[in-house]
Amino acid sequence: MNNKPDYIVKTVKNIEGKNKWTDIGVAYTNQGGSVTAYLSALPLNDKIILIPTKSG
């Protein structure tokens, strides 16, 4: 596994009409093409978003 993550894991919540983005983990692409995510927090809603890093 590469030390630099391929993705930043985020969640988004609408607060007073504005989207609030929060980083909640990182994710790595595996040799077979699947993705493993490591979360430091759980989203309050049911959605997580994977944002590719510049190096990913």
C-alpha atoms as a PDB file:
ATOM      1  CA  MET A   1       0.000   0.000   0.000  1.00  0.00           C
ATOM      2  CA  ASN A   2       1.241   3.459  -0.907  1.00  0.00           C
ATOM      3  CA  ASN A   3       1.723   5.849   2.034  1.00  0.00           C
ATOM      4  CA  LYS A   4      -0.039   8.689   0.204  1.00  0.00           C
ATOM      5  CA  PRO A   5      -3.813   8.243  -0.048  1.00  0.00           C
ATOM      6  CA  ASP A   6      -5.496   8.196  -3.453  1.00  0.00           C
ATOM      7  CA  TYR A   7      -8.640   9.811  -2.038  1.00  0.00           C
ATOM      8  CA  ILE A   8      -9.752  12.062   0.788  1.00  0.00           C
ATOM      9  CA  VAL A   9     -13.019  10.827   2.294  1.00  0.00           C
ATOM     10  CA  LYS A  10     -15.500  13.617   3.022  1.00  0.00           C
ATOM     11  CA  THR A  11     -19.081  14.040   4.070  1.00  0.00           C
ATOM     12  CA  VAL A  12     -21.330  16.990   3.326  1.00  0.00           C
ATOM     13  CA  LYS A  13     -24.233  18.380   5.310  1.00  0.00           C
ATOM     14  CA  ASN A  14     -26.510  21.287   4.450  1.00  0.00           C
ATOM     15  CA  ILE A  15     -26.564  23.803   7.300  1.00  0.00           C
ATOM     16  CA  GLU A  16     -28.749  26.893   6.916  1.00  0.00           C
ATOM     17  CA  GLY A  17     -28.670  26.606   3.131  1.00  0.00           C
ATOM     18  CA  LYS A  18     -24.898  26.141   2.868  1.00  0.00           C
ATOM     19  CA  ASN A  19     -22.990  22.905   2.322  1.00  0.00           C
ATOM     20  CA  LYS A  20     -20.536  22.084   5.120  1.00  0.00           C
ATOM     21  CA  TRP A  21     -17.788  19.677   3.973  1.00  0.00           C
ATOM     22  CA  THR A  22     -15.887  17.665   6.586  1.00  0.00           C
ATOM     23  CA  ASP A  23     -12.869  15.384   6.080  1.00  0.00           C
ATOM     24  CA  ILE A  24     -13.554  12.032   7.754  1.00  0.00           C
ATOM     25  CA  GLY A  25     -10.816   9.763   6.407  1.00  0.00           C
ATOM     26  CA  VAL A  26      -8.597   8.600   3.573  1.00  0.00           C
ATOM     27  CA  ALA A  27      -8.838   5.841   0.965  1.00  0.00           C
ATOM     28  CA  TYR A  28      -6.406   3.790  -1.099  1.00  0.00           C
ATOM     29  CA  THR A  29      -6.839   1.953  -4.404  1.00  0.00           C
ATOM     30  CA  ASN A  30      -5.926  -1.741  -4.155  1.00  0.00           C
ATOM     31  CA  GLN A  31      -4.102  -3.775  -6.806  1.00  0.00           C
ATOM     32  CA  GLY A  32      -7.361  -5.314  -8.037  1.00  0.00           C
ATOM     33  CA  GLY A  33      -8.990  -1.904  -8.472  1.00  0.00           C
ATOM     34  CA  SER A  34     -11.128  -1.935  -5.325  1.00  0.00           C
ATOM     35  CA  VAL A  35     -10.870   0.883  -2.789  1.00  0.00           C
ATOM     36  CA  THR A  36     -10.242   0.603   0.960  1.00  0.00           C
ATOM     37  CA  ALA A  37     -11.338   3.532   3.137  1.00  0.00           C
ATOM     38  CA  TYR A  38     -10.074   4.313   6.627  1.00  0.00           C
ATOM     39  CA  LEU A  39     -12.523   6.503   8.539  1.00  0.00           C
ATOM     40  CA  SER A  40     -11.657   8.622  11.568  1.00  0.00           C
ATOM     41  CA  ALA A  41     -15.317   9.633  11.981  1.00  0.00           C
ATOM     42  CA  LEU A  42     -18.715   8.467  10.776  1.00  0.00           C
ATOM     43  CA  PRO A  43     -21.024  10.692   8.732  1.00  0.00           C
ATOM     44  CA  LEU A  44     -24.246  11.884  10.347  1.00  0.00           C
ATOM     45  CA  ASN A  45     -26.078  11.177   7.094  1.00  0.00           C
ATOM     46  CA  ASP A  46     -25.766   8.190   4.772  1.00  0.00           C
ATOM     47  CA  LYS A  47     -23.305   9.694   2.287  1.00  0.00           C
ATOM     48  CA  ILE A  48     -19.524   9.723   1.933  1.00  0.00           C
ATOM     49  CA  ILE A  49     -17.671  11.283  -0.984  1.00  0.00           C
ATOM     50  CA  LEU A  50     -14.260  10.193  -2.289  1.00  0.00           C
ATOM     51  CA  ILE A  51     -12.268  13.132  -3.652  1.00  0.00           C
ATOM     52  CA  PRO A  52      -9.152  12.158  -5.659  1.00  0.00           C
ATOM     53  CA  THR A  53      -5.933  13.637  -4.313  1.00  0.00           C
ATOM     54  CA  LYS A  54      -3.594  15.457  -6.668  1.00  0.00           C
ATOM     55  CA  SER A  55      -1.164  12.535  -6.440  1.00  0.00           C
ATOM     56  CA  GLY A  56      -3.932   9.910  -6.803  1.00  0.00           C
END
